[in-house]
Amino acid sequence: MATPDLAIRPLLVNRYEKLADRLLADSAQGDRLLTKVGLADVIDVEALDSSLKTYALKAHLDFVMVDVESSLPSFAVELDGRQHWRDPNNRRRDAMKDRLCERANLPLLRITSEFTRKRAAGSC
């Protein structure tokens, strides 16, 4: 077997993503939990103006819960760390993602890494 010249990377890159994944997977009740799904794979981007379409083609959702029978997303989850509150560019991108999910009638739940940590520790 040849030595690869590219490395594969883990999808869940920090402990908060891993905790959120475990919590959501535990609550899936027969649905399928997907991680790091492209926004354009979940919503139809063809009707968007060019700037929103460009953003949607680059953006992803941290988690998407999918109904197994219909293959339709039930809701999406974004895990927001401190950088989401401090960086104006992150806030602008978050607002665009919120608007796009709202337009597609896709519920988007935003949770903080602090909530995830507390929930996993059993203090919520």
PDB file of N, CA and C in Angstrom:
ATOM      1  N   MET A   1       0.850  -1.184   0.000  1.00  0.00           N
ATOM      2  CA  MET A   1       0.000   0.000   0.000  1.00  0.00           C
ATOM      3  C   MET A   1       0.895   1.246   0.000  1.00  0.00           C
ATOM      4  N   ALA A   2       0.565   2.180  -0.861  1.00  0.00           N
ATOM      5  CA  ALA A   2       1.362   3.400  -0.983  1.00  0.00           C
ATOM      6  C   ALA A   2       1.160   4.295   0.227  1.00  0.00           C
ATOM      7  N   THR A   3       2.185   5.052   0.549  1.00  0.00           N
ATOM      8  CA  THR A   3       2.099   6.029   1.630  1.00  0.00           C
ATOM      9  C   THR A   3       1.266   7.210   1.148  1.00  0.00           C
ATOM     10  N   PRO A   4       0.236   7.588   1.909  1.00  0.00           N
ATOM     11  CA  PRO A   4      -0.610   8.710   1.461  1.00  0.00           C
ATOM     12  C   PRO A   4       0.151  10.027   1.508  1.00  0.00           C
ATOM     13  N   ASP A   5      -0.143  10.901   0.567  1.00  0.00           N
ATOM     14  CA  ASP A   5       0.485  12.220   0.583  1.00  0.00           C
ATOM     15  C   ASP A   5      -0.429  13.283   1.185  1.00  0.00           C
ATOM     16  N   LEU A   6      -1.634  12.866   1.573  1.00  0.00           N
ATOM     17  CA  LEU A   6      -2.569  13.745   2.271  1.00  0.00           C
ATOM     18  C   LEU A   6      -3.035  13.043   3.542  1.00  0.00           C
ATOM     19  N   ALA A   7      -3.185  13.797   4.573  1.00  0.00           N
ATOM     20  CA  ALA A   7      -3.666  13.231   5.833  1.00  0.00           C
ATOM     21  C   ALA A   7      -5.178  13.391   5.929  1.00  0.00           C
ATOM     22  N   ILE A   8      -5.816  12.426   6.549  1.00  0.00           N
ATOM     23  CA  ILE A   8      -7.232  12.598   6.854  1.00  0.00           C
ATOM     24  C   ILE A   8      -7.323  13.304   8.196  1.00  0.00           C
ATOM     25  N   ARG A   9      -8.413  14.033   8.380  1.00  0.00           N
ATOM     26  CA  ARG A   9      -8.574  14.833   9.593  1.00  0.00           C
ATOM     27  C   ARG A   9      -9.833  14.400  10.320  1.00  0.00           C
ATOM     28  N   PRO A  10      -9.827  14.490  11.639  1.00  0.00           N
ATOM     29  CA  PRO A  10     -11.050  14.152  12.374  1.00  0.00           C
ATOM     30  C   PRO A  10     -12.121  15.214  12.141  1.00  0.00           C
ATOM     31  N   LEU A  11     -13.378  14.791  12.124  1.00  0.00           N
ATOM     32  CA  LEU A  11     -14.480  15.736  11.945  1.00  0.00           C
ATOM     33  C   LEU A  11     -14.760  16.507  13.224  1.00  0.00           C
ATOM     34  N   LEU A  12     -14.652  15.831  14.347  1.00  0.00           N
ATOM     35  CA  LEU A  12     -14.878  16.482  15.636  1.00  0.00           C
ATOM     36  C   LEU A  12     -13.509  16.844  16.202  1.00  0.00           C
ATOM     37  N   VAL A  13     -13.255  18.152  16.301  1.00  0.00           N
ATOM     38  CA  VAL A  13     -11.886  18.587  16.564  1.00  0.00           C
ATOM     39  C   VAL A  13     -11.602  19.039  17.988  1.00  0.00           C
ATOM     40  N   ASN A  14     -12.642  19.195  18.796  1.00  0.00           N
ATOM     41  CA  ASN A  14     -12.375  19.585  20.179  1.00  0.00           C
ATOM     42  C   ASN A  14     -13.345  18.854  21.105  1.00  0.00           C
ATOM     43  N   ARG A  15     -13.088  18.954  22.368  1.00  0.00           N
ATOM     44  CA  ARG A  15     -13.891  18.177  23.324  1.00  0.00           C
ATOM     45  C   ARG A  15     -15.345  18.624  23.358  1.00  0.00           C
ATOM     46  N   TYR A  16     -15.614  19.897  23.077  1.00  0.00           N
ATOM     47  CA  TYR A  16     -16.998  20.377  23.088  1.00  0.00           C
ATOM     48  C   TYR A  16     -17.792  19.781  21.923  1.00  0.00           C
ATOM     49  N   GLU A  17     -17.167  19.679  20.764  1.00  0.00           N
ATOM     50  CA  GLU A  17     -17.837  19.027  19.645  1.00  0.00           C
ATOM     51  C   GLU A  17     -18.097  17.556  19.954  1.00  0.00           C
ATOM     52  N   LYS A  18     -17.136  16.902  20.573  1.00  0.00           N
ATOM     53  CA  LYS A  18     -17.304  15.486  20.928  1.00  0.00           C
ATOM     54  C   LYS A  18     -18.411  15.311  21.967  1.00  0.00           C
ATOM     55  N   LEU A  19     -18.474  16.207  22.950  1.00  0.00           N
ATOM     56  CA  LEU A  19     -19.534  16.144  23.965  1.00  0.00           C
ATOM     57  C   LEU A  19     -20.904  16.390  23.333  1.00  0.00           C
ATOM     58  N   ALA A  20     -20.993  17.419  22.478  1.00  0.00           N
ATOM     59  CA  ALA A  20     -22.270  17.720  21.820  1.00  0.00           C
ATOM     60  C   ALA A  20     -22.699  16.552  20.941  1.00  0.00           C
ATOM     61  N   ASP A  21     -21.761  15.946  20.247  1.00  0.00           N
ATOM     62  CA  ASP A  21     -22.076  14.798  19.406  1.00  0.00           C
ATOM     63  C   ASP A  21     -22.658  13.661  20.241  1.00  0.00           C
ATOM     64  N   ARG A  22     -22.046  13.380  21.373  1.00  0.00           N
ATOM     65  CA  ARG A  22     -22.536  12.306  22.243  1.00  0.00           C
ATOM     66  C   ARG A  22     -23.928  12.620  22.772  1.00  0.00           C
ATOM     67  N   LEU A  23     -24.145  13.854  23.227  1.00  0.00           N
ATOM     68  CA  LEU A  23     -25.453  14.244  23.761  1.00  0.00           C
ATOM     69  C   LEU A  23     -26.542  14.158  22.695  1.00  0.00           C
ATOM     70  N   LEU A  24     -26.252  14.645  21.502  1.00  0.00           N
ATOM     71  CA  LEU A  24     -27.243  14.614  20.421  1.00  0.00           C
ATOM     72  C   LEU A  24     -27.494  13.188  19.937  1.00  0.00           C
ATOM     73  N   ALA A  25     -26.437  12.405  19.805  1.00  0.00           N
ATOM     74  CA  ALA A  25     -26.606  11.017  19.356  1.00  0.00           C
ATOM     75  C   ALA A  25     -27.443  10.230  20.355  1.00  0.00           C
ATOM     76  N   ASP A  26     -27.236  10.494  21.644  1.00  0.00           N
ATOM     77  CA  ASP A  26     -28.016   9.804  22.684  1.00  0.00           C
ATOM     78  C   ASP A  26     -29.498  10.148  22.608  1.00  0.00           C
ATOM     79  N   SER A  27     -29.820  11.321  22.077  1.00  0.00           N
ATOM     80  CA  SER A  27     -31.220  11.745  22.015  1.00  0.00           C
ATOM     81  C   SER A  27     -31.848  11.528  20.635  1.00  0.00           C
ATOM     82  N   ALA A  28     -31.148  10.912  19.715  1.00  0.00           N
ATOM     83  CA  ALA A  28     -31.610  10.782  18.336  1.00  0.00           C
ATOM     84  C   ALA A  28     -32.886   9.962  18.191  1.00  0.00           C
ATOM     85  N   GLN A  29     -33.119   8.983  19.017  1.00  0.00           N
ATOM     86  CA  GLN A  29     -34.340   8.169  19.004  1.00  0.00           C
ATOM     87  C   GLN A  29     -34.717   7.697  17.610  1.00  0.00           C
ATOM     88  N   GLY A  30     -33.804   7.036  16.946  1.00  0.00           N
ATOM     89  CA  GLY A  30     -34.093   6.471  15.633  1.00  0.00           C
ATOM     90  C   GLY A  30     -33.736   7.365  14.460  1.00  0.00           C
ATOM     91  N   ASP A  31     -33.529   8.646  14.701  1.00  0.00           N
ATOM     92  CA  ASP A  31     -33.086   9.525  13.620  1.00  0.00           C
ATOM     93  C   ASP A  31     -31.577   9.384  13.453  1.00  0.00           C
ATOM     94  N   ARG A  32     -31.047   9.998  12.427  1.00  0.00           N
ATOM     95  CA  ARG A  32     -29.621   9.912  12.158  1.00  0.00           C
ATOM     96  C   ARG A  32     -28.986  11.275  12.406  1.00  0.00           C
ATOM     97  N   LEU A  33     -27.898  11.281  13.160  1.00  0.00           N
ATOM     98  CA  LEU A  33     -27.154  12.505  13.432  1.00  0.00           C
ATOM     99  C   LEU A  33     -25.959  12.572  12.488  1.00  0.00           C
ATOM    100  N   LEU A  34     -25.872  13.681  11.748  1.00  0.00           N
ATOM    101  CA  LEU A  34     -24.753  13.902  10.846  1.00  0.00           C
ATOM    102  C   LEU A  34     -23.928  15.076  11.355  1.00  0.00           C
ATOM    103  N   THR A  35     -22.626  15.031  11.119  1.00  0.00           N
ATOM    104  CA  THR A  35     -21.753  16.115  11.556  1.00  0.00           C
ATOM    105  C   THR A  35     -21.125  16.815  10.358  1.00  0.00           C
ATOM    106  N   LYS A  36     -20.902  18.117  10.522  1.00  0.00           N
ATOM    107  CA  LYS A  36     -20.201  18.949   9.545  1.00  0.00           C
ATOM    108  C   LYS A  36     -20.793  18.800   8.144  1.00  0.00           C
ATOM    109  N   VAL A  37     -22.073  19.083   8.051  1.00  0.00           N
ATOM    110  CA  VAL A  37     -22.798  18.963   6.789  1.00  0.00           C
ATOM    111  C   VAL A  37     -22.776  20.313   6.079  1.00  0.00           C
ATOM    112  N   GLY A  38     -22.456  20.291   4.813  1.00  0.00           N
ATOM    113  CA  GLY A  38     -22.465  21.518   4.033  1.00  0.00           C
ATOM    114  C   GLY A  38     -23.855  22.138   4.011  1.00  0.00           C
ATOM    115  N   LEU A  39     -23.933  23.440   4.235  1.00  0.00           N
ATOM    116  CA  LEU A  39     -25.228  24.130   4.236  1.00  0.00           C
ATOM    117  C   LEU A  39     -25.946  23.939   2.905  1.00  0.00           C
ATOM    118  N   ALA A  40     -25.191  23.966   1.814  1.00  0.00           N
ATOM    119  CA  ALA A  40     -25.790  23.795   0.486  1.00  0.00           C
ATOM    120  C   ALA A  40     -26.268  22.363   0.248  1.00  0.00           C
ATOM    121  N   ASP A  41     -25.864  21.419   1.105  1.00  0.00           N
ATOM    122  CA  ASP A  41     -26.381  20.058   1.008  1.00  0.00           C
ATOM    123  C   ASP A  41     -27.726  19.922   1.717  1.00  0.00           C
ATOM    124  N   VAL A  42     -28.067  20.917   2.528  1.00  0.00           N
ATOM    125  CA  VAL A  42     -29.283  20.858   3.341  1.00  0.00           C
ATOM    126  C   VAL A  42     -30.376  21.782   2.807  1.00  0.00           C
ATOM    127  N   ILE A  43     -29.973  22.934   2.278  1.00  0.00           N
ATOM    128  CA  ILE A  43     -30.965  23.870   1.751  1.00  0.00           C
ATOM    129  C   ILE A  43     -30.700  24.099   0.261  1.00  0.00           C
ATOM    130  N   ASP A  44     -31.752  24.438  -0.465  1.00  0.00           N
ATOM    131  CA  ASP A  44     -31.643  24.723  -1.889  1.00  0.00           C
ATOM    132  C   ASP A  44     -31.089  26.137  -2.058  1.00  0.00           C
ATOM    133  N   VAL A  45     -29.892  26.242  -2.614  1.00  0.00           N
ATOM    134  CA  VAL A  45     -29.235  27.548  -2.712  1.00  0.00           C
ATOM    135  C   VAL A  45     -29.450  28.232  -4.065  1.00  0.00           C
ATOM    136  N   GLU A  46     -30.144  27.568  -4.982  1.00  0.00           N
ATOM    137  CA  GLU A  46     -30.285  28.115  -6.332  1.00  0.00           C
ATOM    138  C   GLU A  46     -31.039  29.440  -6.381  1.00  0.00           C
ATOM    139  N   ALA A  47     -31.946  29.672  -5.457  1.00  0.00           N
ATOM    140  CA  ALA A  47     -32.746  30.907  -5.477  1.00  0.00           C
ATOM    141  C   ALA A  47     -32.048  32.075  -4.772  1.00  0.00           C
ATOM    142  N   LEU A  48     -30.875  31.867  -4.237  1.00  0.00           N
ATOM    143  CA  LEU A  48     -30.183  32.916  -3.472  1.00  0.00           C
ATOM    144  C   LEU A  48     -29.447  33.884  -4.385  1.00  0.00           C
ATOM    145  N   ASP A  49     -29.294  35.132  -3.898  1.00  0.00           N
ATOM    146  CA  ASP A  49     -28.454  36.068  -4.637  1.00  0.00           C
ATOM    147  C   ASP A  49     -27.003  35.607  -4.520  1.00  0.00           C
ATOM    148  N   SER A  50     -26.137  36.166  -5.317  1.00  0.00           N
ATOM    149  CA  SER A  50     -24.779  35.643  -5.440  1.00  0.00           C
ATOM    150  C   SER A  50     -23.978  35.653  -4.136  1.00  0.00           C
ATOM    151  N   SER A  51     -24.096  36.707  -3.328  1.00  0.00           N
ATOM    152  CA  SER A  51     -23.292  36.759  -2.098  1.00  0.00           C
ATOM    153  C   SER A  51     -23.768  35.713  -1.083  1.00  0.00           C
ATOM    154  N   LEU A  52     -25.081  35.565  -0.931  1.00  0.00           N
ATOM    155  CA  LEU A  52     -25.592  34.542  -0.018  1.00  0.00           C
ATOM    156  C   LEU A  52     -25.307  33.144  -0.540  1.00  0.00           C
ATOM    157  N   LYS A  53     -25.411  32.972  -1.837  1.00  0.00           N
ATOM    158  CA  LYS A  53     -25.126  31.660  -2.424  1.00  0.00           C
ATOM    159  C   LYS A  53     -23.659  31.291  -2.216  1.00  0.00           C
ATOM    160  N   THR A  54     -22.771  32.239  -2.421  1.00  0.00           N
ATOM    161  CA  THR A  54     -21.340  31.994  -2.206  1.00  0.00           C
ATOM    162  C   THR A  54     -21.089  31.583  -0.763  1.00  0.00           C
ATOM    163  N   TYR A  55     -21.710  32.302   0.177  1.00  0.00           N
ATOM    164  CA  TYR A  55     -21.558  31.942   1.585  1.00  0.00           C
ATOM    165  C   TYR A  55     -22.107  30.546   1.850  1.00  0.00           C
ATOM    166  N   ALA A  56     -23.321  30.263   1.364  1.00  0.00           N
ATOM    167  CA  ALA A  56     -23.966  28.967   1.614  1.00  0.00           C
ATOM    168  C   ALA A  56     -23.149  27.817   1.037  1.00  0.00           C
ATOM    169  N   LEU A  57     -22.482  28.025  -0.064  1.00  0.00           N
ATOM    170  CA  LEU A  57     -21.659  26.981  -0.665  1.00  0.00           C
ATOM    171  C   LEU A  57     -20.406  26.692   0.150  1.00  0.00           C
ATOM    172  N   LYS A  58     -19.971  27.648   0.955  1.00  0.00           N
ATOM    173  CA  LYS A  58     -18.761  27.474   1.775  1.00  0.00           C
ATOM    174  C   LYS A  58     -19.071  27.044   3.208  1.00  0.00           C
ATOM    175  N   ALA A  59     -20.259  27.361   3.692  1.00  0.00           N
ATOM    176  CA  ALA A  59     -20.594  27.158   5.109  1.00  0.00           C
ATOM    177  C   ALA A  59     -21.009  25.715   5.387  1.00  0.00           C
ATOM    178  N   HIS A  60     -20.920  25.348   6.655  1.00  0.00           N
ATOM    179  CA  HIS A  60     -21.407  24.047   7.089  1.00  0.00           C
ATOM    180  C   HIS A  60     -22.201  24.209   8.375  1.00  0.00           C
ATOM    181  N   LEU A  61     -22.971  23.192   8.682  1.00  0.00           N
ATOM    182  CA  LEU A  61     -23.700  23.113   9.951  1.00  0.00           C
ATOM    183  C   LEU A  61     -22.969  22.095  10.821  1.00  0.00           C
ATOM    184  N   ASP A  62     -22.790  22.413  12.091  1.00  0.00           N
ATOM    185  CA  ASP A  62     -22.047  21.504  12.962  1.00  0.00           C
ATOM    186  C   ASP A  62     -22.718  20.137  13.066  1.00  0.00           C
ATOM    187  N   PHE A  63     -24.028  20.138  13.275  1.00  0.00           N
ATOM    188  CA  PHE A  63     -24.786  18.893  13.393  1.00  0.00           C
ATOM    189  C   PHE A  63     -26.124  19.052  12.686  1.00  0.00           C
ATOM    190  N   VAL A  64     -26.580  17.976  12.064  1.00  0.00           N
ATOM    191  CA  VAL A  64     -27.902  17.956  11.446  1.00  0.00           C
ATOM    192  C   VAL A  64     -28.573  16.649  11.844  1.00  0.00           C
ATOM    193  N   MET A  65     -29.775  16.756  12.407  1.00  0.00           N
ATOM    194  CA  MET A  65     -30.561  15.572  12.737  1.00  0.00           C
ATOM    195  C   MET A  65     -31.466  15.298  11.539  1.00  0.00           C
ATOM    196  N   VAL A  66     -31.409  14.067  11.040  1.00  0.00           N
ATOM    197  CA  VAL A  66     -32.120  13.693   9.821  1.00  0.00           C
ATOM    198  C   VAL A  66     -33.143  12.609  10.129  1.00  0.00           C
ATOM    199  N   ASP A  67     -34.361  12.812   9.649  1.00  0.00           N
ATOM    200  CA  ASP A  67     -35.393  11.794   9.763  1.00  0.00           C
ATOM    201  C   ASP A  67     -35.007  10.632   8.850  1.00  0.00           C
ATOM    202  N   VAL A  68     -34.899   9.443   9.421  1.00  0.00           N
ATOM    203  CA  VAL A  68     -34.427   8.287   8.657  1.00  0.00           C
ATOM    204  C   VAL A  68     -35.379   7.926   7.527  1.00  0.00           C
ATOM    205  N   GLU A  69     -36.669   8.040   7.763  1.00  0.00           N
ATOM    206  CA  GLU A  69     -37.654   7.647   6.749  1.00  0.00           C
ATOM    207  C   GLU A  69     -37.659   8.586   5.540  1.00  0.00           C
ATOM    208  N   SER A  70     -37.695   9.887   5.787  1.00  0.00           N
ATOM    209  CA  SER A  70     -37.820  10.849   4.685  1.00  0.00           C
ATOM    210  C   SER A  70     -36.475  11.366   4.175  1.00  0.00           C
ATOM    211  N   SER A  71     -35.419  11.167   4.944  1.00  0.00           N
ATOM    212  CA  SER A  71     -34.085  11.720   4.650  1.00  0.00           C
ATOM    213  C   SER A  71     -34.060  13.245   4.717  1.00  0.00           C
ATOM    214  N   LEU A  72     -35.100  13.846   5.279  1.00  0.00           N
ATOM    215  CA  LEU A  72     -35.144  15.302   5.421  1.00  0.00           C
ATOM    216  C   LEU A  72     -34.568  15.715   6.772  1.00  0.00           C
ATOM    217  N   PRO A  73     -33.820  16.804   6.783  1.00  0.00           N
ATOM    218  CA  PRO A  73     -33.320  17.311   8.051  1.00  0.00           C
ATOM    219  C   PRO A  73     -34.475  17.743   8.956  1.00  0.00           C
ATOM    220  N   SER A  74     -34.415  17.354  10.224  1.00  0.00           N
ATOM    221  CA  SER A  74     -35.414  17.766  11.217  1.00  0.00           C
ATOM    222  C   SER A  74     -35.023  19.094  11.841  1.00  0.00           C
ATOM    223  N   PHE A  75     -33.747  19.216  12.169  1.00  0.00           N
ATOM    224  CA  PHE A  75     -33.206  20.453  12.728  1.00  0.00           C
ATOM    225  C   PHE A  75     -31.694  20.406  12.637  1.00  0.00           C
ATOM    226  N   ALA A  76     -31.084  21.573  12.825  1.00  0.00           N
ATOM    227  CA  ALA A  76     -29.621  21.690  12.825  1.00  0.00           C
ATOM    228  C   ALA A  76     -29.175  22.282  14.148  1.00  0.00           C
ATOM    229  N   VAL A  77     -27.934  22.011  14.490  1.00  0.00           N
ATOM    230  CA  VAL A  77     -27.356  22.525  15.731  1.00  0.00           C
ATOM    231  C   VAL A  77     -26.011  23.158  15.409  1.00  0.00           C
ATOM    232  N   GLU A  78     -25.814  24.342  15.946  1.00  0.00           N
ATOM    233  CA  GLU A  78     -24.532  25.023  15.870  1.00  0.00           C
ATOM    234  C   GLU A  78     -23.964  25.117  17.279  1.00  0.00           C
ATOM    235  N   LEU A  79     -22.728  24.721  17.427  1.00  0.00           N
ATOM    236  CA  LEU A  79     -22.025  24.816  18.699  1.00  0.00           C
ATOM    237  C   LEU A  79     -21.194  26.084  18.659  1.00  0.00           C
ATOM    238  N   ASP A  80     -21.555  27.041  19.492  1.00  0.00           N
ATOM    239  CA  ASP A  80     -20.904  28.352  19.480  1.00  0.00           C
ATOM    240  C   ASP A  80     -19.971  28.501  20.665  1.00  0.00           C
ATOM    241  N   GLY A  81     -18.698  28.637  20.391  1.00  0.00           N
ATOM    242  CA  GLY A  81     -17.710  28.932  21.422  1.00  0.00           C
ATOM    243  C   GLY A  81     -17.593  30.433  21.631  1.00  0.00           C
ATOM    244  N   ARG A  82     -16.673  30.805  22.468  1.00  0.00           N
ATOM    245  CA  ARG A  82     -16.490  32.228  22.801  1.00  0.00           C
ATOM    246  C   ARG A  82     -16.226  33.104  21.584  1.00  0.00           C
ATOM    247  N   GLN A  83     -15.527  32.545  20.593  1.00  0.00           N
ATOM    248  CA  GLN A  83     -15.184  33.328  19.408  1.00  0.00           C
ATOM    249  C   GLN A  83     -16.416  33.807  18.658  1.00  0.00           C
ATOM    250  N   HIS A  84     -17.539  33.120  18.832  1.00  0.00           N
ATOM    251  CA  HIS A  84     -18.763  33.527  18.142  1.00  0.00           C
ATOM    252  C   HIS A  84     -19.321  34.825  18.718  1.00  0.00           C
ATOM    253  N   TRP A  85     -18.985  35.148  19.937  1.00  0.00           N
ATOM    254  CA  TRP A  85     -19.497  36.367  20.571  1.00  0.00           C
ATOM    255  C   TRP A  85     -18.515  37.513  20.440  1.00  0.00           C
ATOM    256  N   ARG A  86     -17.245  37.207  20.302  1.00  0.00           N
ATOM    257  CA  ARG A  86     -16.212  38.248  20.294  1.00  0.00           C
ATOM    258  C   ARG A  86     -15.882  38.790  18.914  1.00  0.00           C
ATOM    259  N   ASP A  87     -15.965  37.955  17.912  1.00  0.00           N
ATOM    260  CA  ASP A  87     -15.524  38.317  16.568  1.00  0.00           C
ATOM    261  C   ASP A  87     -16.709  38.802  15.726  1.00  0.00           C
ATOM    262  N   PRO A  88     -16.682  40.069  15.298  1.00  0.00           N
ATOM    263  CA  PRO A  88     -17.789  40.598  14.491  1.00  0.00           C
ATOM    264  C   PRO A  88     -18.003  39.821  13.192  1.00  0.00           C
ATOM    265  N   ASN A  89     -16.942  39.302  12.584  1.00  0.00           N
ATOM    266  CA  ASN A  89     -17.096  38.519  11.355  1.00  0.00           C
ATOM    267  C   ASN A  89     -17.843  37.216  11.624  1.00  0.00           C
ATOM    268  N   ASN A  90     -17.539  36.565  12.758  1.00  0.00           N
ATOM    269  CA  ASN A  90     -18.280  35.354  13.126  1.00  0.00           C
ATOM    270  C   ASN A  90     -19.750  35.676  13.350  1.00  0.00           C
ATOM    271  N   ARG A  91     -20.013  36.776  14.010  1.00  0.00           N
ATOM    272  CA  ARG A  91     -21.408  37.158  14.280  1.00  0.00           C
ATOM    273  C   ARG A  91     -22.160  37.442  12.977  1.00  0.00           C
ATOM    274  N   ARG A  92     -21.495  38.074  12.030  1.00  0.00           N
ATOM    275  CA  ARG A  92     -22.107  38.359  10.727  1.00  0.00           C
ATOM    276  C   ARG A  92     -22.420  37.052   9.993  1.00  0.00           C
ATOM    277  N   ARG A  93     -21.457  36.131   9.992  1.00  0.00           N
ATOM    278  CA  ARG A  93     -21.685  34.837   9.328  1.00  0.00           C
ATOM    279  C   ARG A  93     -22.777  34.036  10.046  1.00  0.00           C
ATOM    280  N   ASP A  94     -22.781  34.086  11.377  1.00  0.00           N
ATOM    281  CA  ASP A  94     -23.834  33.403  12.142  1.00  0.00           C
ATOM    282  C   ASP A  94     -25.210  33.954  11.776  1.00  0.00           C
ATOM    283  N   ALA A  95     -25.300  35.270  11.634  1.00  0.00           N
ATOM    284  CA  ALA A  95     -26.575  35.899  11.277  1.00  0.00           C
ATOM    285  C   ALA A  95     -27.027  35.463   9.879  1.00  0.00           C
ATOM    286  N   MET A  96     -26.089  35.346   8.948  1.00  0.00           N
ATOM    287  CA  MET A  96     -26.448  34.874   7.605  1.00  0.00           C
ATOM    288  C   MET A  96     -26.953  33.439   7.667  1.00  0.00           C
ATOM    289  N   LYS A  97     -26.272  32.593   8.434  1.00  0.00           N
ATOM    290  CA  LYS A  97     -26.689  31.194   8.560  1.00  0.00           C
ATOM    291  C   LYS A  97     -28.069  31.119   9.203  1.00  0.00           C
ATOM    292  N   ASP A  98     -28.293  31.943  10.233  1.00  0.00           N
ATOM    293  CA  ASP A  98     -29.614  31.983  10.881  1.00  0.00           C
ATOM    294  C   ASP A  98     -30.701  32.336   9.867  1.00  0.00           C
ATOM    295  N   ARG A  99     -30.459  33.374   9.058  1.00  0.00           N
ATOM    296  CA  ARG A  99     -31.448  33.808   8.070  1.00  0.00           C
ATOM    297  C   ARG A  99     -31.709  32.730   7.016  1.00  0.00           C
ATOM    298  N   LEU A 100     -30.658  32.079   6.564  1.00  0.00           N
ATOM    299  CA  LEU A 100     -30.823  31.050   5.545  1.00  0.00           C
ATOM    300  C   LEU A 100     -31.622  29.858   6.082  1.00  0.00           C
ATOM    301  N   CYS A 101     -31.322  29.438   7.290  1.00  0.00           N
ATOM    302  CA  CYS A 101     -32.074  28.324   7.886  1.00  0.00           C
ATOM    303  C   CYS A 101     -33.526  28.723   8.108  1.00  0.00           C
ATOM    304  N   GLU A 102     -33.746  29.964   8.529  1.00  0.00           N
ATOM    305  CA  GLU A 102     -35.112  30.442   8.726  1.00  0.00           C
ATOM    306  C   GLU A 102     -35.880  30.448   7.403  1.00  0.00           C
ATOM    307  N   ARG A 103     -35.238  30.919   6.347  1.00  0.00           N
ATOM    308  CA  ARG A 103     -35.887  30.945   5.028  1.00  0.00           C
ATOM    309  C   ARG A 103     -36.239  29.544   4.539  1.00  0.00           C
ATOM    310  N   ALA A 104     -35.418  28.562   4.920  1.00  0.00           N
ATOM    311  CA  ALA A 104     -35.661  27.178   4.513  1.00  0.00           C
ATOM    312  C   ALA A 104     -36.575  26.447   5.496  1.00  0.00           C
ATOM    313  N   ASN A 105     -36.989  27.153   6.538  1.00  0.00           N
ATOM    314  CA  ASN A 105     -37.845  26.545   7.561  1.00  0.00           C
ATOM    315  C   ASN A 105     -37.152  25.377   8.270  1.00  0.00           C
ATOM    316  N   LEU A 106     -35.834  25.516   8.439  1.00  0.00           N
ATOM    317  CA  LEU A 106     -35.032  24.522   9.141  1.00  0.00           C
ATOM    318  C   LEU A 106     -34.715  25.065  10.531  1.00  0.00           C
ATOM    319  N   PRO A 107     -35.290  24.476  11.582  1.00  0.00           N
ATOM    320  CA  PRO A 107     -34.965  24.951  12.927  1.00  0.00           C
ATOM    321  C   PRO A 107     -33.455  24.834  13.187  1.00  0.00           C
ATOM    322  N   LEU A 108     -32.886  25.904  13.721  1.00  0.00           N
ATOM    323  CA  LEU A 108     -31.459  25.944  14.027  1.00  0.00           C
ATOM    324  C   LEU A 108     -31.302  26.250  15.506  1.00  0.00           C
ATOM    325  N   LEU A 109     -30.730  25.321  16.216  1.00  0.00           N
ATOM    326  CA  LEU A 109     -30.487  25.464  17.643  1.00  0.00           C
ATOM    327  C   LEU A 109     -29.031  25.850  17.839  1.00  0.00           C
ATOM    328  N   ARG A 110     -28.807  26.944  18.537  1.00  0.00           N
ATOM    329  CA  ARG A 110     -27.445  27.365  18.870  1.00  0.00           C
ATOM    330  C   ARG A 110     -27.202  27.065  20.339  1.00  0.00           C
ATOM    331  N   ILE A 111     -26.163  26.317  20.602  1.00  0.00           N
ATOM    332  CA  ILE A 111     -25.791  26.025  21.987  1.00  0.00           C
ATOM    333  C   ILE A 111     -24.345  26.446  22.201  1.00  0.00           C
ATOM    334  N   THR A 112     -24.055  26.815  23.421  1.00  0.00           N
ATOM    335  CA  THR A 112     -22.697  27.242  23.745  1.00  0.00           C
ATOM    336  C   THR A 112     -21.866  26.047  24.189  1.00  0.00           C
ATOM    337  N   SER A 113     -20.571  26.170  24.017  1.00  0.00           N
ATOM    338  CA  SER A 113     -19.679  25.112  24.480  1.00  0.00           C
ATOM    339  C   SER A 113     -19.783  24.975  26.001  1.00  0.00           C
ATOM    340  N   GLU A 114     -20.073  26.059  26.700  1.00  0.00           N
ATOM    341  CA  GLU A 114     -20.239  26.009  28.159  1.00  0.00           C
ATOM    342  C   GLU A 114     -21.456  25.161  28.541  1.00  0.00           C
ATOM    343  N   PHE A 115     -22.561  25.337  27.833  1.00  0.00           N
ATOM    344  CA  PHE A 115     -23.747  24.522  28.093  1.00  0.00           C
ATOM    345  C   PHE A 115     -23.435  23.044  27.878  1.00  0.00           C
ATOM    346  N   THR A 116     -22.741  22.749  26.791  1.00  0.00           N
ATOM    347  CA  THR A 116     -22.394  21.365  26.480  1.00  0.00           C
ATOM    348  C   THR A 116     -21.532  20.764  27.583  1.00  0.00           C
ATOM    349  N   ARG A 117     -20.553  21.526  28.038  1.00  0.00           N
ATOM    350  CA  ARG A 117     -19.673  21.040  29.098  1.00  0.00           C
ATOM    351  C   ARG A 117     -20.462  20.760  30.365  1.00  0.00           C
ATOM    352  N   LYS A 118     -21.337  21.696  30.752  1.00  0.00           N
ATOM    353  CA  LYS A 118     -22.133  21.513  31.962  1.00  0.00           C
ATOM    354  C   LYS A 118     -23.100  20.336  31.826  1.00  0.00           C
ATOM    355  N   ARG A 119     -23.721  20.204  30.668  1.00  0.00           N
ATOM    356  CA  ARG A 119     -24.678  19.119  30.445  1.00  0.00           C
ATOM    357  C   ARG A 119     -23.989  17.767  30.521  1.00  0.00           C
ATOM    358  N   ALA A 120     -22.799  17.662  29.939  1.00  0.00           N
ATOM    359  CA  ALA A 120     -22.061  16.402  29.960  1.00  0.00           C
ATOM    360  C   ALA A 120     -21.597  16.054  31.376  1.00  0.00           C
ATOM    361  N   ALA A 121     -21.350  17.087  32.171  1.00  0.00           N
ATOM    362  CA  ALA A 121     -20.925  16.864  33.553  1.00  0.00           C
ATOM    363  C   ALA A 121     -22.122  16.570  34.468  1.00  0.00           C
ATOM    364  N   GLY A 122     -23.342  16.720  33.936  1.00  0.00           N
ATOM    365  CA  GLY A 122     -24.539  16.424  34.708  1.00  0.00           C
ATOM    366  C   GLY A 122     -24.989  17.548  35.616  1.00  0.00           C
ATOM    367  N   SER A 123     -24.511  18.767  35.367  1.00  0.00           N
ATOM    368  CA  SER A 123     -24.896  19.868  36.251  1.00  0.00           C
ATOM    369  C   SER A 123     -26.060  20.692  35.718  1.00  0.00           C
ATOM    370  N   CYS A 124     -26.673  20.294  34.608  1.00  0.00           N
ATOM    371  CA  CYS A 124     -27.850  21.001  34.080  1.00  0.00           C
ATOM    372  C   CYS A 124     -29.084  20.177  34.341  1.00  0.00           C
TER     373      CYS A 124
END
